[in-house]
């Protein structure tokens, strides 16, 4: 069973915590994590690109010149793709790129991502995270004390407007809650900072 130290906002160790083996101690499945990341990125695509085909471009109703006898190649419309201002061949149209993974695959990917952070010693468990005011400097000093100053993912047990707003101005820092946690954000972070109460919720859902 993995054991990690629990730290306060000043970076001092205040205890240790045992993590659930079934969630934080499995052998990471790289293939499944890759599938989860590709699915997440595909679902983020807007798919709003659009262009006009030759049937949709304005104009081109009359045949430019007669079929034979001009010395030119035969043409039927000035809005054919080979003409300037003509339509686009196989024009892109709005579509959805999203697809879904099986529930068991998603759960395995999440467990693998969490376990990989523990194995790489990139997880930091916070005893608590609360603020009396909106202050970016408080969060910045906390991350510096924890040694997490690059890409950081802060996981909260529930929405805390003061923490979220205070961390929003720091480059590379992202906040999320247990119910919106995803594999991409976990793997993309250099440090995975999670509040102790959030760990309990994660284990409750995925154990």
C-alpha atoms as a PDB file:
ATOM      1  CA  UNK A   1       0.000   0.000   0.000  1.00  0.00           C
ATOM      2  CA  UNK A   2       1.608   3.321  -1.088  1.00  0.00           C
ATOM      3  CA  UNK A   3       2.418   5.791   1.680  1.00  0.00           C
ATOM      4  CA  UNK A   4       2.914   9.505   1.064  1.00  0.00           C
ATOM      5  CA  UNK A   5       3.700  12.408   3.346  1.00  0.00           C
ATOM      6  CA  UNK A   6       1.028  14.989   4.123  1.00  0.00           C
ATOM      7  CA  UNK A   7       2.111  18.632   4.015  1.00  0.00           C
ATOM      8  CA  UNK A   8       0.587  21.927   5.069  1.00  0.00           C
ATOM      9  CA  UNK A   9       0.405  25.128   3.010  1.00  0.00           C
ATOM     10  CA  UNK A  10       3.834  26.183   4.327  1.00  0.00           C
ATOM     11  CA  UNK A  11       5.445  23.043   2.879  1.00  0.00           C
ATOM     12  CA  UNK A  12       6.109  21.406   6.260  1.00  0.00           C
ATOM     13  CA  UNK A  13       5.398  17.701   6.686  1.00  0.00           C
ATOM     14  CA  UNK A  14       2.606  17.147   9.213  1.00  0.00           C
ATOM     15  CA  UNK A  15       2.102  13.411   8.855  1.00  0.00           C
ATOM     16  CA  UNK A  16       1.764  10.485   6.471  1.00  0.00           C
ATOM     17  CA  UNK A  17      -1.134   8.917   4.639  1.00  0.00           C
ATOM     18  CA  UNK A  18      -1.697   5.450   3.219  1.00  0.00           C
ATOM     19  CA  UNK A  19      -3.237   5.435  -0.249  1.00  0.00           C
ATOM     20  CA  UNK A  20      -5.550   2.725  -1.548  1.00  0.00           C
ATOM     21  CA  UNK A  21      -3.607   0.053  -3.406  1.00  0.00           C
ATOM     22  CA  UNK A  22      -6.440  -0.450  -5.911  1.00  0.00           C
ATOM     23  CA  UNK A  23      -6.376   3.211  -6.974  1.00  0.00           C
ATOM     24  CA  UNK A  24      -2.850   4.529  -6.408  1.00  0.00           C
ATOM     25  CA  UNK A  25      -0.760   1.351  -6.483  1.00  0.00           C
ATOM     26  CA  UNK A  26      -1.564  -0.542  -9.682  1.00  0.00           C
ATOM     27  CA  UNK A  27       0.761  -1.146 -12.627  1.00  0.00           C
ATOM     28  CA  UNK A  28       0.052   1.765 -15.032  1.00  0.00           C
ATOM     29  CA  UNK A  29      -1.417   0.667 -18.351  1.00  0.00           C
ATOM     30  CA  UNK A  30       0.226   2.969 -20.905  1.00  0.00           C
ATOM     31  CA  UNK A  31      -1.970   1.868 -23.808  1.00  0.00           C
ATOM     32  CA  UNK A  32      -5.192   2.616 -21.957  1.00  0.00           C
ATOM     33  CA  UNK A  33      -3.901   6.022 -20.797  1.00  0.00           C
ATOM     34  CA  UNK A  34      -3.019   6.817 -24.415  1.00  0.00           C
ATOM     35  CA  UNK A  35      -6.569   5.926 -25.477  1.00  0.00           C
ATOM     36  CA  UNK A  36      -8.020   8.160 -22.756  1.00  0.00           C
ATOM     37  CA  UNK A  37      -5.848  11.143 -23.734  1.00  0.00           C
ATOM     38  CA  UNK A  38      -6.711  10.790 -27.438  1.00  0.00           C
ATOM     39  CA  UNK A  39     -10.410  10.581 -26.571  1.00  0.00           C
ATOM     40  CA  UNK A  40     -10.187  13.693 -24.374  1.00  0.00           C
ATOM     41  CA  UNK A  41      -8.392  15.723 -27.048  1.00  0.00           C
ATOM     42  CA  UNK A  42     -10.821  14.578 -29.750  1.00  0.00           C
ATOM     43  CA  UNK A  43     -13.764  15.664 -27.610  1.00  0.00           C
ATOM     44  CA  UNK A  44     -12.187  19.122 -27.196  1.00  0.00           C
ATOM     45  CA  UNK A  45     -12.216  19.763 -30.951  1.00  0.00           C
ATOM     46  CA  UNK A  46     -14.903  22.232 -31.969  1.00  0.00           C
ATOM     47  CA  UNK A  47     -15.438  20.843 -35.448  1.00  0.00           C
ATOM     48  CA  UNK A  48     -16.903  24.134 -36.675  1.00  0.00           C
ATOM     49  CA  UNK A  49     -14.789  24.461 -39.836  1.00  0.00           C
ATOM     50  CA  UNK A  50     -16.846  24.983 -42.983  1.00  0.00           C
ATOM     51  CA  UNK A  51     -16.303  25.830 -46.657  1.00  0.00           C
ATOM     52  CA  UNK A  52     -18.571  26.123 -49.691  1.00  0.00           C
ATOM     53  CA  UNK A  53     -18.854  23.424 -52.331  1.00  0.00           C
ATOM     54  CA  UNK A  54     -19.508  24.261 -55.994  1.00  0.00           C
ATOM     55  CA  UNK A  55     -23.236  23.828 -55.335  1.00  0.00           C
ATOM     56  CA  UNK A  56     -23.168  26.507 -52.625  1.00  0.00           C
ATOM     57  CA  UNK A  57     -20.946  29.226 -54.142  1.00  0.00           C
ATOM     58  CA  UNK A  58     -22.854  32.189 -55.531  1.00  0.00           C
ATOM     59  CA  UNK A  59     -22.859  32.616 -59.339  1.00  0.00           C
ATOM     60  CA  UNK A  60     -21.811  30.353 -62.177  1.00  0.00           C
ATOM     61  CA  UNK A  61     -25.256  29.717 -63.541  1.00  0.00           C
ATOM     62  CA  UNK A  62     -24.401  30.252 -67.224  1.00  0.00           C
ATOM     63  CA  UNK A  63     -22.019  28.143 -69.275  1.00  0.00           C
ATOM     64  CA  UNK A  64     -18.935  30.414 -69.851  1.00  0.00           C
ATOM     65  CA  UNK A  65     -18.613  29.591 -73.581  1.00  0.00           C
ATOM     66  CA  UNK A  66     -19.955  27.106 -76.070  1.00  0.00           C
ATOM     67  CA  UNK A  67     -18.855  23.501 -75.837  1.00  0.00           C
ATOM     68  CA  UNK A  68     -16.866  23.334 -79.088  1.00  0.00           C
ATOM     69  CA  UNK A  69     -14.961  25.572 -81.452  1.00  0.00           C
ATOM     70  CA  UNK A  70     -13.348  28.112 -79.110  1.00  0.00           C
ATOM     71  CA  UNK A  71      -9.970  26.465 -78.607  1.00  0.00           C
ATOM     72  CA  UNK A  72     -10.557  26.500 -74.838  1.00  0.00           C
ATOM     73  CA  UNK A  73     -11.131  23.456 -72.691  1.00  0.00           C
ATOM     74  CA  UNK A  74     -14.792  22.746 -72.194  1.00  0.00           C
ATOM     75  CA  UNK A  75     -16.271  24.433 -69.112  1.00  0.00           C
ATOM     76  CA  UNK A  76     -19.716  24.190 -67.585  1.00  0.00           C
ATOM     77  CA  UNK A  77     -19.534  26.732 -64.771  1.00  0.00           C
ATOM     78  CA  UNK A  78     -17.260  29.481 -63.470  1.00  0.00           C
ATOM     79  CA  UNK A  79     -17.800  28.132 -59.981  1.00  0.00           C
ATOM     80  CA  UNK A  80     -16.182  24.764 -60.660  1.00  0.00           C
ATOM     81  CA  UNK A  81     -13.218  23.996 -58.321  1.00  0.00           C
ATOM     82  CA  UNK A  82     -10.530  24.799 -60.918  1.00  0.00           C
ATOM     83  CA  UNK A  83     -11.797  28.390 -61.295  1.00  0.00           C
ATOM     84  CA  UNK A  84     -10.815  31.308 -59.087  1.00  0.00           C
ATOM     85  CA  UNK A  85     -13.662  31.892 -56.609  1.00  0.00           C
ATOM     86  CA  UNK A  86     -14.917  28.396 -57.395  1.00  0.00           C
ATOM     87  CA  UNK A  87     -16.150  25.901 -54.843  1.00  0.00           C
ATOM     88  CA  UNK A  88     -13.936  23.685 -52.671  1.00  0.00           C
ATOM     89  CA  UNK A  89     -13.567  20.007 -53.515  1.00  0.00           C
ATOM     90  CA  UNK A  90     -14.706  17.826 -50.586  1.00  0.00           C
ATOM     91  CA  UNK A  91     -15.273  20.988 -48.536  1.00  0.00           C
ATOM     92  CA  UNK A  92     -15.056  20.517 -44.736  1.00  0.00           C
ATOM     93  CA  UNK A  93     -18.391  20.754 -42.969  1.00  0.00           C
ATOM     94  CA  UNK A  94     -19.289  21.071 -39.261  1.00  0.00           C
ATOM     95  CA  UNK A  95     -19.003  17.726 -37.502  1.00  0.00           C
ATOM     96  CA  UNK A  96     -18.364  16.241 -34.106  1.00  0.00           C
ATOM     97  CA  UNK A  97     -15.059  14.476 -33.457  1.00  0.00           C
ATOM     98  CA  UNK A  98     -16.127  13.155 -30.054  1.00  0.00           C
ATOM     99  CA  UNK A  99     -16.377   9.501 -29.177  1.00  0.00           C
ATOM    100  CA  UNK A 100     -16.679   7.548 -25.950  1.00  0.00           C
ATOM    101  CA  UNK A 101     -14.635   4.891 -24.199  1.00  0.00           C
ATOM    102  CA  UNK A 102     -15.986   1.948 -22.262  1.00  0.00           C
ATOM    103  CA  UNK A 103     -16.573   2.620 -18.579  1.00  0.00           C
ATOM    104  CA  UNK A 104     -14.045  -0.011 -17.484  1.00  0.00           C
ATOM    105  CA  UNK A 105     -11.421   1.460 -19.811  1.00  0.00           C
ATOM    106  CA  UNK A 106     -11.961   4.955 -18.398  1.00  0.00           C
ATOM    107  CA  UNK A 107     -11.683   3.689 -14.824  1.00  0.00           C
ATOM    108  CA  UNK A 108      -8.487   1.766 -15.601  1.00  0.00           C
ATOM    109  CA  UNK A 109      -7.005   4.828 -17.314  1.00  0.00           C
ATOM    110  CA  UNK A 110      -7.766   7.023 -14.305  1.00  0.00           C
ATOM    111  CA  UNK A 111      -6.246   4.508 -11.870  1.00  0.00           C
ATOM    112  CA  UNK A 112      -3.184   4.143 -14.108  1.00  0.00           C
ATOM    113  CA  UNK A 113      -2.677   7.908 -14.267  1.00  0.00           C
ATOM    114  CA  UNK A 114      -2.992   8.282 -10.482  1.00  0.00           C
ATOM    115  CA  UNK A 115      -0.652   5.345  -9.879  1.00  0.00           C
ATOM    116  CA  UNK A 116       1.929   6.756 -12.292  1.00  0.00           C
ATOM    117  CA  UNK A 117       2.039  10.003 -10.301  1.00  0.00           C
ATOM    118  CA  UNK A 118       2.685   8.067  -7.092  1.00  0.00           C
ATOM    119  CA  UNK A 119       5.329   5.900  -8.770  1.00  0.00           C
ATOM    120  CA  UNK A 120       7.115   8.968 -10.164  1.00  0.00           C
ATOM    121  CA  UNK A 121       6.899  10.782  -6.805  1.00  0.00           C
ATOM    122  CA  UNK A 122       4.972  13.635  -8.408  1.00  0.00           C
ATOM    123  CA  UNK A 123       2.042  13.646  -5.981  1.00  0.00           C
ATOM    124  CA  UNK A 124       1.739  16.109  -3.087  1.00  0.00           C
ATOM    125  CA  UNK A 125      -1.005  15.612  -0.491  1.00  0.00           C
ATOM    126  CA  UNK A 126      -2.125  18.771   1.289  1.00  0.00           C
ATOM    127  CA  UNK A 127      -3.596  18.613   4.776  1.00  0.00           C
ATOM    128  CA  UNK A 128      -6.029  21.392   3.861  1.00  0.00           C
ATOM    129  CA  UNK A 129      -6.345  24.289   1.449  1.00  0.00           C
ATOM    130  CA  UNK A 130      -8.406  27.284   2.468  1.00  0.00           C
ATOM    131  CA  UNK A 131      -8.105  31.030   2.015  1.00  0.00           C
ATOM    132  CA  UNK A 132      -9.647  34.017   3.764  1.00  0.00           C
ATOM    133  CA  UNK A 133      -9.326  36.329   0.778  1.00  0.00           C
ATOM    134  CA  UNK A 134      -8.664  36.391  -2.943  1.00  0.00           C
ATOM    135  CA  UNK A 135      -4.870  36.495  -3.060  1.00  0.00           C
ATOM    136  CA  UNK A 136      -2.713  35.057  -5.846  1.00  0.00           C
ATOM    137  CA  UNK A 137       0.434  35.537  -3.777  1.00  0.00           C
ATOM    138  CA  UNK A 138      -0.796  33.063  -1.138  1.00  0.00           C
ATOM    139  CA  UNK A 139      -1.171  30.284  -3.706  1.00  0.00           C
ATOM    140  CA  UNK A 140       2.139  31.192  -5.382  1.00  0.00           C
ATOM    141  CA  UNK A 141       4.016  31.047  -2.064  1.00  0.00           C
ATOM    142  CA  UNK A 142       2.349  27.741  -1.206  1.00  0.00           C
ATOM    143  CA  UNK A 143       3.385  26.148  -4.505  1.00  0.00           C
ATOM    144  CA  UNK A 144       6.926  27.439  -4.085  1.00  0.00           C
ATOM    145  CA  UNK A 145       7.098  25.899  -0.611  1.00  0.00           C
ATOM    146  CA  UNK A 146       5.825  22.596  -2.007  1.00  0.00           C
ATOM    147  CA  UNK A 147       8.369  22.639  -4.827  1.00  0.00           C
ATOM    148  CA  UNK A 148       5.624  22.782  -7.445  1.00  0.00           C
ATOM    149  CA  UNK A 149       6.330  25.801  -9.623  1.00  0.00           C
ATOM    150  CA  UNK A 150       5.880  24.499 -13.192  1.00  0.00           C
ATOM    151  CA  UNK A 151       2.830  22.684 -14.547  1.00  0.00           C
ATOM    152  CA  UNK A 152       0.677  22.041 -11.492  1.00  0.00           C
ATOM    153  CA  UNK A 153      -2.758  20.484 -11.102  1.00  0.00           C
ATOM    154  CA  UNK A 154      -4.522  21.333  -7.837  1.00  0.00           C
ATOM    155  CA  UNK A 155      -7.389  18.973  -6.965  1.00  0.00           C
ATOM    156  CA  UNK A 156     -10.026  20.282  -4.559  1.00  0.00           C
ATOM    157  CA  UNK A 157     -12.726  18.214  -2.853  1.00  0.00           C
ATOM    158  CA  UNK A 158     -15.333  20.784  -3.887  1.00  0.00           C
ATOM    159  CA  UNK A 159     -15.591  24.194  -5.543  1.00  0.00           C
ATOM    160  CA  UNK A 160     -13.699  26.906  -3.640  1.00  0.00           C
ATOM    161  CA  UNK A 161     -14.087  30.221  -5.482  1.00  0.00           C
ATOM    162  CA  UNK A 162     -11.250  31.945  -3.603  1.00  0.00           C
ATOM    163  CA  UNK A 163      -8.689  29.230  -4.331  1.00  0.00           C
ATOM    164  CA  UNK A 164      -9.767  28.867  -7.966  1.00  0.00           C
ATOM    165  CA  UNK A 165      -9.649  32.613  -8.648  1.00  0.00           C
ATOM    166  CA  UNK A 166      -6.359  33.076  -6.790  1.00  0.00           C
ATOM    167  CA  UNK A 167      -4.657  30.317  -8.792  1.00  0.00           C
ATOM    168  CA  UNK A 168      -6.104  31.388 -12.147  1.00  0.00           C
ATOM    169  CA  UNK A 169      -3.494  34.108 -12.751  1.00  0.00           C
ATOM    170  CA  UNK A 170      -0.488  31.811 -12.242  1.00  0.00           C
ATOM    171  CA  UNK A 171       0.883  30.413 -15.538  1.00  0.00           C
ATOM    172  CA  UNK A 172       0.872  26.618 -15.691  1.00  0.00           C
ATOM    173  CA  UNK A 173      -1.424  26.179 -12.680  1.00  0.00           C
ATOM    174  CA  UNK A 174      -4.845  24.571 -13.096  1.00  0.00           C
ATOM    175  CA  UNK A 175      -7.473  23.791 -10.474  1.00  0.00           C
ATOM    176  CA  UNK A 176     -10.113  21.103 -10.675  1.00  0.00           C
ATOM    177  CA  UNK A 177     -12.483  19.131  -8.473  1.00  0.00           C
ATOM    178  CA  UNK A 178     -12.788  15.403  -7.955  1.00  0.00           C
ATOM    179  CA  UNK A 179     -15.918  15.201 -10.124  1.00  0.00           C
ATOM    180  CA  UNK A 180     -14.183  16.912 -13.094  1.00  0.00           C
ATOM    181  CA  UNK A 181     -10.798  15.175 -12.819  1.00  0.00           C
ATOM    182  CA  UNK A 182      -9.516  13.665 -16.067  1.00  0.00           C
ATOM    183  CA  UNK A 183      -6.549  11.618 -17.247  1.00  0.00           C
ATOM    184  CA  UNK A 184      -5.162  14.287 -19.591  1.00  0.00           C
ATOM    185  CA  UNK A 185      -4.837  16.926 -16.860  1.00  0.00           C
ATOM    186  CA  UNK A 186      -3.194  14.432 -14.492  1.00  0.00           C
ATOM    187  CA  UNK A 187      -0.567  13.314 -17.006  1.00  0.00           C
ATOM    188  CA  UNK A 188       0.017  16.849 -18.278  1.00  0.00           C
ATOM    189  CA  UNK A 189       0.937  18.115 -14.801  1.00  0.00           C
ATOM    190  CA  UNK A 190       4.486  17.967 -13.453  1.00  0.00           C
ATOM    191  CA  UNK A 191       3.103  18.068  -9.903  1.00  0.00           C
ATOM    192  CA  UNK A 192      -0.212  16.601  -8.779  1.00  0.00           C
ATOM    193  CA  UNK A 193      -1.278  18.553  -5.687  1.00  0.00           C
ATOM    194  CA  UNK A 194      -4.346  17.022  -4.069  1.00  0.00           C
ATOM    195  CA  UNK A 195      -6.126  17.997  -0.854  1.00  0.00           C
ATOM    196  CA  UNK A 196      -6.450  15.198   1.719  1.00  0.00           C
ATOM    197  CA  UNK A 197     -10.263  15.298   1.619  1.00  0.00           C
ATOM    198  CA  UNK A 198     -10.133  14.991  -2.171  1.00  0.00           C
ATOM    199  CA  UNK A 199      -8.005  11.832  -1.864  1.00  0.00           C
ATOM    200  CA  UNK A 200     -10.768  10.238   0.217  1.00  0.00           C
ATOM    201  CA  UNK A 201     -13.339  11.113  -2.432  1.00  0.00           C
ATOM    202  CA  UNK A 202     -11.174   9.731  -5.242  1.00  0.00           C
ATOM    203  CA  UNK A 203     -10.723   6.456  -3.377  1.00  0.00           C
ATOM    204  CA  UNK A 204     -14.469   6.307  -2.674  1.00  0.00           C
ATOM    205  CA  UNK A 205     -15.250   6.592  -6.390  1.00  0.00           C
ATOM    206  CA  UNK A 206     -12.524   4.417  -7.908  1.00  0.00           C
ATOM    207  CA  UNK A 207     -11.639   1.873  -5.218  1.00  0.00           C
END
